[in-house]
Amino acid sequence: MRTFDNSPENAVAWQDSALPRDYGSYGPMVVEHLSKGDKLAEQLIRESAEDAAMMIRVLHQRGANQCALVGGLSEFVMPWLPENVASIATLPQGDAMHGALLMAAKLI
């Protein structure tokens, strides 16, 4: 809350124009606090893992054999995934362009 001068109103106003990278800028702080055993940081990572697991399950049901987690917190979320999803999840082997080229090659 220090970022927002300890004002909930400022925090709410910020979220109206915040972009994904703005939210992502808090990732290192979450990871730092997670490493110190902070319960709120653990809750945030746990909830992120639950959200990712829900999306992975849906993608798997629709035919995806593997799903790559992307974003700055991916490597920290992976250990928190439920076992039945962890075998489907992976970290990316390249960037988005690399993935698009692999997909295109399979179609040709």
PDB file of N, CA and C in Angstrom:
ATOM      1  N   MET A   1       0.821  -1.207   0.000  1.00  0.00           N
ATOM      2  CA  MET A   1       0.000   0.000   0.000  1.00  0.00           C
ATOM      3  C   MET A   1       0.859   1.264   0.000  1.00  0.00           C
ATOM      4  N   ARG A   2       2.155   1.096   0.390  1.00  0.00           N
ATOM      5  CA  ARG A   2       3.033   2.273   0.352  1.00  0.00           C
ATOM      6  C   ARG A   2       3.061   2.890  -1.046  1.00  0.00           C
ATOM      7  N   THR A   3       3.015   2.039  -2.062  1.00  0.00           N
ATOM      8  CA  THR A   3       3.018   2.511  -3.452  1.00  0.00           C
ATOM      9  C   THR A   3       1.869   3.482  -3.702  1.00  0.00           C
ATOM     10  N   PHE A   4       0.785   3.279  -2.984  1.00  0.00           N
ATOM     11  CA  PHE A   4      -0.422   4.084  -3.178  1.00  0.00           C
ATOM     12  C   PHE A   4      -0.644   5.053  -2.018  1.00  0.00           C
ATOM     13  N   ASP A   5       0.427   5.444  -1.360  1.00  0.00           N
ATOM     14  CA  ASP A   5       0.350   6.357  -0.215  1.00  0.00           C
ATOM     15  C   ASP A   5      -0.620   5.864   0.850  1.00  0.00           C
ATOM     16  N   ASN A   6      -0.659   4.521   1.020  1.00  0.00           N
ATOM     17  CA  ASN A   6      -1.544   3.881   1.994  1.00  0.00           C
ATOM     18  C   ASN A   6      -3.006   4.269   1.816  1.00  0.00           C
ATOM     19  N   SER A   7      -3.386   4.539   0.571  1.00  0.00           N
ATOM     20  CA  SER A   7      -4.752   4.962   0.279  1.00  0.00           C
ATOM     21  C   SER A   7      -5.464   3.918  -0.587  1.00  0.00           C
ATOM     22  N   PRO A   8      -6.495   3.265  -0.045  1.00  0.00           N
ATOM     23  CA  PRO A   8      -7.268   2.326  -0.864  1.00  0.00           C
ATOM     24  C   PRO A   8      -7.864   2.995  -2.104  1.00  0.00           C
ATOM     25  N   GLU A   9      -8.235   4.257  -1.969  1.00  0.00           N
ATOM     26  CA  GLU A   9      -8.796   4.981  -3.105  1.00  0.00           C
ATOM     27  C   GLU A   9      -7.777   5.096  -4.241  1.00  0.00           C
ATOM     28  N   ASN A  10      -6.521   5.370  -3.876  1.00  0.00           N
ATOM     29  CA  ASN A  10      -5.458   5.453  -4.888  1.00  0.00           C
ATOM     30  C   ASN A  10      -5.230   4.093  -5.551  1.00  0.00           C
ATOM     31  N   ALA A  11      -5.319   3.040  -4.769  1.00  0.00           N
ATOM     32  CA  ALA A  11      -5.137   1.692  -5.313  1.00  0.00           C
ATOM     33  C   ALA A  11      -6.248   1.361  -6.299  1.00  0.00           C
ATOM     34  N   VAL A  12      -7.469   1.701  -5.961  1.00  0.00           N
ATOM     35  CA  VAL A  12      -8.602   1.451  -6.855  1.00  0.00           C
ATOM     36  C   VAL A  12      -8.470   2.288  -8.121  1.00  0.00           C
ATOM     37  N   ALA A  13      -8.080   3.529  -7.989  1.00  0.00           N
ATOM     38  CA  ALA A  13      -7.888   4.394  -9.160  1.00  0.00           C
ATOM     39  C   ALA A  13      -6.788   3.832 -10.066  1.00  0.00           C
ATOM     40  N   TRP A  14      -5.730   3.305  -9.475  1.00  0.00           N
ATOM     41  CA  TRP A  14      -4.626   2.720 -10.247  1.00  0.00           C
ATOM     42  C   TRP A  14      -5.103   1.553 -11.095  1.00  0.00           C
ATOM     43  N   GLN A  15      -5.928   0.693 -10.514  1.00  0.00           N
ATOM     44  CA  GLN A  15      -6.339  -0.501 -11.242  1.00  0.00           C
ATOM     45  C   GLN A  15      -7.213  -0.177 -12.447  1.00  0.00           C
ATOM     46  N   ASP A  16      -7.827   0.997 -12.468  1.00  0.00           N
ATOM     47  CA  ASP A  16      -8.648   1.382 -13.615  1.00  0.00           C
ATOM     48  C   ASP A  16      -7.832   1.547 -14.889  1.00  0.00           C
ATOM     49  N   SER A  17      -6.558   1.907 -14.749  1.00  0.00           N
ATOM     50  CA  SER A  17      -5.722   2.112 -15.937  1.00  0.00           C
ATOM     51  C   SER A  17      -4.519   1.179 -15.987  1.00  0.00           C
ATOM     52  N   ALA A  18      -4.386   0.295 -15.006  1.00  0.00           N
ATOM     53  CA  ALA A  18      -3.226  -0.592 -14.942  1.00  0.00           C
ATOM     54  C   ALA A  18      -3.266  -1.625 -16.065  1.00  0.00           C
ATOM     55  N   LEU A  19      -2.100  -1.883 -16.622  1.00  0.00           N
ATOM     56  CA  LEU A  19      -1.926  -2.888 -17.665  1.00  0.00           C
ATOM     57  C   LEU A  19      -1.347  -4.156 -17.029  1.00  0.00           C
ATOM     58  N   PRO A  20      -1.393  -5.287 -17.739  1.00  0.00           N
ATOM     59  CA  PRO A  20      -0.818  -6.506 -17.170  1.00  0.00           C
ATOM     60  C   PRO A  20       0.618  -6.322 -16.678  1.00  0.00           C
ATOM     61  N   ARG A  21       1.422  -5.561 -17.401  1.00  0.00           N
ATOM     62  CA  ARG A  21       2.811  -5.358 -16.955  1.00  0.00           C
ATOM     63  C   ARG A  21       2.866  -4.574 -15.642  1.00  0.00           C
ATOM     64  N   ASP A  22       1.869  -3.729 -15.391  1.00  0.00           N
ATOM     65  CA  ASP A  22       1.826  -2.987 -14.128  1.00  0.00           C
ATOM     66  C   ASP A  22       1.584  -3.946 -12.964  1.00  0.00           C
ATOM     67  N   TYR A  23       0.649  -4.872 -13.156  1.00  0.00           N
ATOM     68  CA  TYR A  23       0.422  -5.883 -12.125  1.00  0.00           C
ATOM     69  C   TYR A  23       1.656  -6.761 -11.986  1.00  0.00           C
ATOM     70  N   GLY A  24       2.241  -7.131 -13.116  1.00  0.00           N
ATOM     71  CA  GLY A  24       3.425  -7.981 -13.113  1.00  0.00           C
ATOM     72  C   GLY A  24       4.614  -7.367 -12.401  1.00  0.00           C
ATOM     73  N   SER A  25       4.650  -6.048 -12.342  1.00  0.00           N
ATOM     74  CA  SER A  25       5.781  -5.396 -11.676  1.00  0.00           C
ATOM     75  C   SER A  25       5.827  -5.726 -10.181  1.00  0.00           C
ATOM     76  N   TYR A  26       4.739  -6.236  -9.636  1.00  0.00           N
ATOM     77  CA  TYR A  26       4.709  -6.623  -8.224  1.00  0.00           C
ATOM     78  C   TYR A  26       5.186  -8.057  -8.009  1.00  0.00           C
ATOM     79  N   GLY A  27       5.405  -8.792  -9.096  1.00  0.00           N
ATOM     80  CA  GLY A  27       5.853 -10.179  -8.993  1.00  0.00           C
ATOM     81  C   GLY A  27       7.106 -10.365  -8.164  1.00  0.00           C
ATOM     82  N   PRO A  28       8.178  -9.609  -8.427  1.00  0.00           N
ATOM     83  CA  PRO A  28       9.392  -9.794  -7.622  1.00  0.00           C
ATOM     84  C   PRO A  28       9.158  -9.574  -6.127  1.00  0.00           C
ATOM     85  N   MET A  29       8.272  -8.661  -5.790  1.00  0.00           N
ATOM     86  CA  MET A  29       7.977  -8.409  -4.378  1.00  0.00           C
ATOM     87  C   MET A  29       7.268  -9.619  -3.766  1.00  0.00           C
ATOM     88  N   VAL A  30       6.338 -10.211  -4.527  1.00  0.00           N
ATOM     89  CA  VAL A  30       5.629 -11.391  -4.038  1.00  0.00           C
ATOM     90  C   VAL A  30       6.621 -12.531  -3.817  1.00  0.00           C
ATOM     91  N   VAL A  31       7.506 -12.748  -4.791  1.00  0.00           N
ATOM     92  CA  VAL A  31       8.496 -13.825  -4.688  1.00  0.00           C
ATOM     93  C   VAL A  31       9.431 -13.592  -3.504  1.00  0.00           C
ATOM     94  N   GLU A  32       9.851 -12.361  -3.319  1.00  0.00           N
ATOM     95  CA  GLU A  32      10.726 -12.049  -2.187  1.00  0.00           C
ATOM     96  C   GLU A  32      10.056 -12.401  -0.865  1.00  0.00           C
ATOM     97  N   HIS A  33       8.789 -11.993  -0.737  1.00  0.00           N
ATOM     98  CA  HIS A  33       8.079 -12.259   0.508  1.00  0.00           C
ATOM     99  C   HIS A  33       7.738 -13.739   0.666  1.00  0.00           C
ATOM    100  N   LEU A  34       7.504 -14.422  -0.457  1.00  0.00           N
ATOM    101  CA  LEU A  34       7.261 -15.864  -0.404  1.00  0.00           C
ATOM    102  C   LEU A  34       8.475 -16.580   0.175  1.00  0.00           C
ATOM    103  N   SER A  35       9.656 -16.164  -0.249  1.00  0.00           N
ATOM    104  CA  SER A  35      10.886 -16.803   0.240  1.00  0.00           C
ATOM    105  C   SER A  35      11.102 -16.557   1.730  1.00  0.00           C
ATOM    106  N   LYS A  36      10.435 -15.555   2.280  1.00  0.00           N
ATOM    107  CA  LYS A  36      10.543 -15.250   3.710  1.00  0.00           C
ATOM    108  C   LYS A  36       9.419 -15.888   4.520  1.00  0.00           C
ATOM    109  N   GLY A  37       8.586 -16.700   3.841  1.00  0.00           N
ATOM    110  CA  GLY A  37       7.496 -17.375   4.534  1.00  0.00           C
ATOM    111  C   GLY A  37       6.263 -16.529   4.745  1.00  0.00           C
ATOM    112  N   ASP A  38       6.133 -15.436   4.012  1.00  0.00           N
ATOM    113  CA  ASP A  38       4.977 -14.546   4.156  1.00  0.00           C
ATOM    114  C   ASP A  38       3.697 -15.269   3.722  1.00  0.00           C
ATOM    115  N   LYS A  39       2.707 -15.305   4.592  1.00  0.00           N
ATOM    116  CA  LYS A  39       1.455 -16.032   4.332  1.00  0.00           C
ATOM    117  C   LYS A  39       0.628 -15.399   3.218  1.00  0.00           C
ATOM    118  N   LEU A  40       0.625 -14.090   3.114  1.00  0.00           N
ATOM    119  CA  LEU A  40      -0.135 -13.446   2.037  1.00  0.00           C
ATOM    120  C   LEU A  40       0.492 -13.750   0.681  1.00  0.00           C
ATOM    121  N   ALA A  41       1.820 -13.714   0.603  1.00  0.00           N
ATOM    122  CA  ALA A  41       2.504 -14.057  -0.646  1.00  0.00           C
ATOM    123  C   ALA A  41       2.201 -15.509  -1.019  1.00  0.00           C
ATOM    124  N   GLU A  42       2.209 -16.394  -0.027  1.00  0.00           N
ATOM    125  CA  GLU A  42       1.874 -17.799  -0.287  1.00  0.00           C
ATOM    126  C   GLU A  42       0.447 -17.925  -0.802  1.00  0.00           C
ATOM    127  N   GLN A  43      -0.468 -17.178  -0.220  1.00  0.00           N
ATOM    128  CA  GLN A  43      -1.866 -17.215  -0.662  1.00  0.00           C
ATOM    129  C   GLN A  43      -1.977 -16.738  -2.114  1.00  0.00           C
ATOM    130  N   LEU A  44      -1.256 -15.676  -2.465  1.00  0.00           N
ATOM    131  CA  LEU A  44      -1.294 -15.171  -3.841  1.00  0.00           C
ATOM    132  C   LEU A  44      -0.764 -16.211  -4.830  1.00  0.00           C
ATOM    133  N   ILE A  45       0.330 -16.862  -4.490  1.00  0.00           N
ATOM    134  CA  ILE A  45       0.898 -17.893  -5.364  1.00  0.00           C
ATOM    135  C   ILE A  45      -0.042 -19.088  -5.433  1.00  0.00           C
ATOM    136  N   ARG A  46      -0.582 -19.482  -4.313  1.00  0.00           N
ATOM    137  CA  ARG A  46      -1.512 -20.622  -4.273  1.00  0.00           C
ATOM    138  C   ARG A  46      -2.741 -20.330  -5.143  1.00  0.00           C
ATOM    139  N   GLU A  47      -3.297 -19.142  -5.034  1.00  0.00           N
ATOM    140  CA  GLU A  47      -4.464 -18.782  -5.845  1.00  0.00           C
ATOM    141  C   GLU A  47      -4.103 -18.698  -7.323  1.00  0.00           C
ATOM    142  N   SER A  48      -2.911 -18.214  -7.632  1.00  0.00           N
ATOM    143  CA  SER A  48      -2.458 -18.188  -9.021  1.00  0.00           C
ATOM    144  C   SER A  48      -2.360 -19.601  -9.569  1.00  0.00           C
ATOM    145  N   ALA A  49      -1.854 -20.520  -8.759  1.00  0.00           N
ATOM    146  CA  ALA A  49      -1.748 -21.918  -9.170  1.00  0.00           C
ATOM    147  C   ALA A  49      -3.130 -22.539  -9.382  1.00  0.00           C
ATOM    148  N   GLU A  50      -4.069 -22.213  -8.525  1.00  0.00           N
ATOM    149  CA  GLU A  50      -5.433 -22.727  -8.683  1.00  0.00           C
ATOM    150  C   GLU A  50      -6.063 -22.200  -9.968  1.00  0.00           C
ATOM    151  N   ASP A  51      -5.860 -20.919 -10.259  1.00  0.00           N
ATOM    152  CA  ASP A  51      -6.388 -20.335 -11.499  1.00  0.00           C
ATOM    153  C   ASP A  51      -5.749 -20.993 -12.721  1.00  0.00           C
ATOM    154  N   ALA A  52      -4.429 -21.172 -12.673  1.00  0.00           N
ATOM    155  CA  ALA A  52      -3.724 -21.808 -13.785  1.00  0.00           C
ATOM    156  C   ALA A  52      -4.213 -23.241 -13.964  1.00  0.00           C
ATOM    157  N   ALA A  53      -4.395 -23.965 -12.867  1.00  0.00           N
ATOM    158  CA  ALA A  53      -4.858 -25.353 -12.932  1.00  0.00           C
ATOM    159  C   ALA A  53      -6.233 -25.438 -13.587  1.00  0.00           C
ATOM    160  N   MET A  54      -7.106 -24.510 -13.258  1.00  0.00           N
ATOM    161  CA  MET A  54      -8.440 -24.501 -13.847  1.00  0.00           C
ATOM    162  C   MET A  54      -8.347 -24.329 -15.373  1.00  0.00           C
ATOM    163  N   MET A  55      -7.504 -23.407 -15.830  1.00  0.00           N
ATOM    164  CA  MET A  55      -7.347 -23.182 -17.269  1.00  0.00           C
ATOM    165  C   MET A  55      -6.690 -24.377 -17.949  1.00  0.00           C
ATOM    166  N   ILE A  56      -5.691 -24.957 -17.296  1.00  0.00           N
ATOM    167  CA  ILE A  56      -5.004 -26.119 -17.865  1.00  0.00           C
ATOM    168  C   ILE A  56      -5.961 -27.289 -18.010  1.00  0.00           C
ATOM    169  N   ARG A  57      -6.808 -27.525 -17.016  1.00  0.00           N
ATOM    170  CA  ARG A  57      -7.786 -28.620 -17.101  1.00  0.00           C
ATOM    171  C   ARG A  57      -8.709 -28.440 -18.303  1.00  0.00           C
ATOM    172  N   VAL A  58      -9.189 -27.229 -18.504  1.00  0.00           N
ATOM    173  CA  VAL A  58     -10.087 -26.961 -19.637  1.00  0.00           C
ATOM    174  C   VAL A  58      -9.354 -27.190 -20.954  1.00  0.00           C
ATOM    175  N   LEU A  59      -8.134 -26.689 -21.064  1.00  0.00           N
ATOM    176  CA  LEU A  59      -7.363 -26.884 -22.291  1.00  0.00           C
ATOM    177  C   LEU A  59      -7.077 -28.360 -22.530  1.00  0.00           C
ATOM    178  N   HIS A  60      -6.797 -29.091 -21.471  1.00  0.00           N
ATOM    179  CA  HIS A  60      -6.543 -30.531 -21.585  1.00  0.00           C
ATOM    180  C   HIS A  60      -7.802 -31.266 -22.057  1.00  0.00           C
ATOM    181  N   GLN A  61      -8.945 -30.892 -21.517  1.00  0.00           N
ATOM    182  CA  GLN A  61     -10.212 -31.498 -21.928  1.00  0.00           C
ATOM    183  C   GLN A  61     -10.503 -31.222 -23.410  1.00  0.00           C
ATOM    184  N   ARG A  62      -9.960 -30.122 -23.905  1.00  0.00           N
ATOM    185  CA  ARG A  62     -10.171 -29.758 -25.315  1.00  0.00           C
ATOM    186  C   ARG A  62      -9.059 -30.275 -26.221  1.00  0.00           C
ATOM    187  N   GLY A  63      -8.182 -31.108 -25.684  1.00  0.00           N
ATOM    188  CA  GLY A  63      -7.207 -31.780 -26.522  1.00  0.00           C
ATOM    189  C   GLY A  63      -5.748 -31.388 -26.363  1.00  0.00           C
ATOM    190  N   ALA A  64      -5.445 -30.436 -25.533  1.00  0.00           N
ATOM    191  CA  ALA A  64      -4.043 -30.039 -25.347  1.00  0.00           C
ATOM    192  C   ALA A  64      -3.319 -31.093 -24.512  1.00  0.00           C
ATOM    193  N   ASN A  65      -2.194 -31.562 -25.021  1.00  0.00           N
ATOM    194  CA  ASN A  65      -1.406 -32.546 -24.281  1.00  0.00           C
ATOM    195  C   ASN A  65      -0.495 -31.883 -23.256  1.00  0.00           C
ATOM    196  N   GLN A  66      -0.060 -30.676 -23.564  1.00  0.00           N
ATOM    197  CA  GLN A  66       0.783 -29.894 -22.662  1.00  0.00           C
ATOM    198  C   GLN A  66       0.365 -28.443 -22.741  1.00  0.00           C
ATOM    199  N   CYS A  67       0.560 -27.751 -21.646  1.00  0.00           N
ATOM    200  CA  CYS A  67       0.274 -26.323 -21.578  1.00  0.00           C
ATOM    201  C   CYS A  67       1.476 -25.624 -20.945  1.00  0.00           C
ATOM    202  N   ALA A  68       1.965 -24.606 -21.620  1.00  0.00           N
ATOM    203  CA  ALA A  68       3.102 -23.851 -21.094  1.00  0.00           C
ATOM    204  C   ALA A  68       2.603 -22.685 -20.264  1.00  0.00           C
ATOM    205  N   LEU A  69       3.127 -22.574 -19.061  1.00  0.00           N
ATOM    206  CA  LEU A  69       2.843 -21.418 -18.216  1.00  0.00           C
ATOM    207  C   LEU A  69       3.786 -20.298 -18.642  1.00  0.00           C
ATOM    208  N   VAL A  70       3.239 -19.128 -18.843  1.00  0.00           N
ATOM    209  CA  VAL A  70       4.068 -17.998 -19.241  1.00  0.00           C
ATOM    210  C   VAL A  70       3.912 -16.876 -18.226  1.00  0.00           C
ATOM    211  N   GLY A  71       4.890 -16.007 -18.190  1.00  0.00           N
ATOM    212  CA  GLY A  71       4.856 -14.881 -17.273  1.00  0.00           C
ATOM    213  C   GLY A  71       5.928 -15.013 -16.212  1.00  0.00           C
ATOM    214  N   GLY A  72       6.193 -13.923 -15.576  1.00  0.00           N
ATOM    215  CA  GLY A  72       7.292 -13.849 -14.623  1.00  0.00           C
ATOM    216  C   GLY A  72       7.150 -14.717 -13.390  1.00  0.00           C
ATOM    217  N   LEU A  73       5.933 -15.103 -13.040  1.00  0.00           N
ATOM    218  CA  LEU A  73       5.738 -15.921 -11.840  1.00  0.00           C
ATOM    219  C   LEU A  73       5.598 -17.408 -12.150  1.00  0.00           C
ATOM    220  N   SER A  74       5.652 -17.773 -13.426  1.00  0.00           N
ATOM    221  CA  SER A  74       5.402 -19.165 -13.826  1.00  0.00           C
ATOM    222  C   SER A  74       6.244 -20.165 -13.067  1.00  0.00           C
ATOM    223  N   GLU A  75       7.542 -19.923 -12.980  1.00  0.00           N
ATOM    224  CA  GLU A  75       8.410 -20.896 -12.310  1.00  0.00           C
ATOM    225  C   GLU A  75       8.100 -21.018 -10.826  1.00  0.00           C
ATOM    226  N   PHE A  76       7.505 -19.988 -10.244  1.00  0.00           N
ATOM    227  CA  PHE A  76       7.157 -20.032  -8.826  1.00  0.00           C
ATOM    228  C   PHE A  76       5.778 -20.665  -8.616  1.00  0.00           C
ATOM    229  N   VAL A  77       4.936 -20.606  -9.645  1.00  0.00           N
ATOM    230  CA  VAL A  77       3.600 -21.197  -9.576  1.00  0.00           C
ATOM    231  C   VAL A  77       3.667 -22.707  -9.798  1.00  0.00           C
ATOM    232  N   MET A  78       4.567 -23.168 -10.658  1.00  0.00           N
ATOM    233  CA  MET A  78       4.651 -24.594 -11.021  1.00  0.00           C
ATOM    234  C   MET A  78       4.644 -25.528  -9.809  1.00  0.00           C
ATOM    235  N   PRO A  79       5.450 -25.285  -8.784  1.00  0.00           N
ATOM    236  CA  PRO A  79       5.459 -26.223  -7.645  1.00  0.00           C
ATOM    237  C   PRO A  79       4.145 -26.272  -6.868  1.00  0.00           C
ATOM    238  N   TRP A  80       3.287 -25.303  -7.068  1.00  0.00           N
ATOM    239  CA  TRP A  80       2.025 -25.232  -6.327  1.00  0.00           C
ATOM    240  C   TRP A  80       0.864 -25.851  -7.096  1.00  0.00           C
ATOM    241  N   LEU A  81       1.110 -26.298  -8.328  1.00  0.00           N
ATOM    242  CA  LEU A  81       0.045 -26.911  -9.121  1.00  0.00           C
ATOM    243  C   LEU A  81      -0.336 -28.265  -8.538  1.00  0.00           C
ATOM    244  N   PRO A  82      -1.630 -28.612  -8.596  1.00  0.00           N
ATOM    245  CA  PRO A  82      -2.040 -29.944  -8.145  1.00  0.00           C
ATOM    246  C   PRO A  82      -1.367 -31.022  -9.004  1.00  0.00           C
ATOM    247  N   GLU A  83      -1.147 -32.196  -8.418  1.00  0.00           N
ATOM    248  CA  GLU A  83      -0.457 -33.277  -9.121  1.00  0.00           C
ATOM    249  C   GLU A  83      -1.096 -33.634 -10.455  1.00  0.00           C
ATOM    250  N   ASN A  84      -2.432 -33.667 -10.494  1.00  0.00           N
ATOM    251  CA  ASN A  84      -3.108 -34.082 -11.716  1.00  0.00           C
ATOM    252  C   ASN A  84      -2.960 -33.067 -12.853  1.00  0.00           C
ATOM    253  N   VAL A  85      -2.436 -31.917 -12.567  1.00  0.00           N
ATOM    254  CA  VAL A  85      -2.227 -30.884 -13.585  1.00  0.00           C
ATOM    255  C   VAL A  85      -0.736 -30.687 -13.858  1.00  0.00           C
ATOM    256  N   ALA A  86       0.080 -30.928 -12.869  1.00  0.00           N
ATOM    257  CA  ALA A  86       1.518 -30.678 -12.986  1.00  0.00           C
ATOM    258  C   ALA A  86       2.145 -31.452 -14.139  1.00  0.00           C
ATOM    259  N   SER A  87       1.625 -32.653 -14.429  1.00  0.00           N
ATOM    260  CA  SER A  87       2.190 -33.454 -15.520  1.00  0.00           C
ATOM    261  C   SER A  87       1.864 -32.870 -16.896  1.00  0.00           C
ATOM    262  N   ILE A  88       0.876 -32.018 -16.970  1.00  0.00           N
ATOM    263  CA  ILE A  88       0.468 -31.391 -18.233  1.00  0.00           C
ATOM    264  C   ILE A  88       1.167 -30.045 -18.410  1.00  0.00           C
ATOM    265  N   ALA A  89       1.503 -29.408 -17.308  1.00  0.00           N
ATOM    266  CA  ALA A  89       2.087 -28.066 -17.338  1.00  0.00           C
ATOM    267  C   ALA A  89       3.583 -28.127 -17.603  1.00  0.00           C
ATOM    268  N   THR A  90       4.070 -27.116 -18.290  1.00  0.00           N
ATOM    269  CA  THR A  90       5.490 -26.998 -18.566  1.00  0.00           C
ATOM    270  C   THR A  90       5.845 -25.521 -18.660  1.00  0.00           C
ATOM    271  N   LEU A  91       7.110 -25.243 -18.559  1.00  0.00           N
ATOM    272  CA  LEU A  91       7.587 -23.886 -18.823  1.00  0.00           C
ATOM    273  C   LEU A  91       7.910 -23.803 -20.307  1.00  0.00           C
ATOM    274  N   PRO A  92       7.799 -22.644 -20.924  1.00  0.00           N
ATOM    275  CA  PRO A  92       8.048 -22.532 -22.358  1.00  0.00           C
ATOM    276  C   PRO A  92       9.487 -22.885 -22.733  1.00  0.00           C
ATOM    277  N   GLN A  93       9.628 -23.466 -23.923  1.00  0.00           N
ATOM    278  CA  GLN A  93      10.948 -23.819 -24.441  1.00  0.00           C
ATOM    279  C   GLN A  93      11.505 -22.716 -25.335  1.00  0.00           C
ATOM    280  N   GLY A  94      10.701 -21.698 -25.590  1.00  0.00           N
ATOM    281  CA  GLY A  94      11.110 -20.583 -26.431  1.00  0.00           C
ATOM    282  C   GLY A  94      10.118 -19.452 -26.272  1.00  0.00           C
ATOM    283  N   ASP A  95      10.219 -18.469 -27.151  1.00  0.00           N
ATOM    284  CA  ASP A  95       9.283 -17.346 -27.079  1.00  0.00           C
ATOM    285  C   ASP A  95       8.046 -17.626 -27.940  1.00  0.00           C
ATOM    286  N   ALA A  96       7.134 -16.686 -27.979  1.00  0.00           N
ATOM    287  CA  ALA A  96       5.879 -16.863 -28.708  1.00  0.00           C
ATOM    288  C   ALA A  96       6.119 -17.086 -30.202  1.00  0.00           C
ATOM    289  N   MET A  97       7.078 -16.397 -30.781  1.00  0.00           N
ATOM    290  CA  MET A  97       7.365 -16.575 -32.208  1.00  0.00           C
ATOM    291  C   MET A  97       7.833 -17.997 -32.485  1.00  0.00           C
ATOM    292  N   HIS A  98       8.682 -18.514 -31.628  1.00  0.00           N
ATOM    293  CA  HIS A  98       9.167 -19.888 -31.775  1.00  0.00           C
ATOM    294  C   HIS A  98       7.985 -20.867 -31.754  1.00  0.00           C
ATOM    295  N   GLY A  99       7.080 -20.678 -30.820  1.00  0.00           N
ATOM    296  CA  GLY A  99       5.895 -21.533 -30.730  1.00  0.00           C
ATOM    297  C   GLY A  99       5.009 -21.427 -31.962  1.00  0.00           C
ATOM    298  N   ALA A 100       4.833 -20.223 -32.451  1.00  0.00           N
ATOM    299  CA  ALA A 100       4.015 -20.027 -33.653  1.00  0.00           C
ATOM    300  C   ALA A 100       4.644 -20.727 -34.853  1.00  0.00           C
ATOM    301  N   LEU A 101       5.956 -20.663 -34.978  1.00  0.00           N
ATOM    302  CA  LEU A 101       6.646 -21.333 -36.078  1.00  0.00           C
ATOM    303  C   LEU A 101       6.517 -22.854 -35.972  1.00  0.00           C
ATOM    304  N   LEU A 102       6.617 -23.385 -34.765  1.00  0.00           N
ATOM    305  CA  LEU A 102       6.433 -24.830 -34.578  1.00  0.00           C
ATOM    306  C   LEU A 102       5.022 -25.255 -34.959  1.00  0.00           C
ATOM    307  N   MET A 103       4.039 -24.465 -34.560  1.00  0.00           N
ATOM    308  CA  MET A 103       2.646 -24.780 -34.907  1.00  0.00           C
ATOM    309  C   MET A 103       2.440 -24.709 -36.416  1.00  0.00           C
ATOM    310  N   ALA A 104       2.992 -23.695 -37.052  1.00  0.00           N
ATOM    311  CA  ALA A 104       2.861 -23.555 -38.501  1.00  0.00           C
ATOM    312  C   ALA A 104       3.508 -24.730 -39.224  1.00  0.00           C
ATOM    313  N   ALA A 105       4.664 -25.150 -38.746  1.00  0.00           N
ATOM    314  CA  ALA A 105       5.366 -26.271 -39.375  1.00  0.00           C
ATOM    315  C   ALA A 105       4.533 -27.559 -39.302  1.00  0.00           C
ATOM    316  N   LYS A 106       3.810 -27.748 -38.222  1.00  0.00           N
ATOM    317  CA  LYS A 106       2.965 -28.934 -38.079  1.00  0.00           C
ATOM    318  C   LYS A 106       1.794 -28.908 -39.039  1.00  0.00           C
ATOM    319  N   LEU A 107       1.355 -27.721 -39.438  1.00  0.00           N
ATOM    320  CA  LEU A 107       0.227 -27.581 -40.335  1.00  0.00           C
ATOM    321  C   LEU A 107       0.600 -27.762 -41.796  1.00  0.00           C
ATOM    322  N   ILE A 108       1.876 -27.622 -42.075  1.00  0.00           N
ATOM    323  CA  ILE A 108       2.317 -27.701 -43.470  1.00  0.00           C
ATOM    324  C   ILE A 108       2.579 -29.124 -43.874  1.00  0.00           C
TER     325      ILE A 108
END
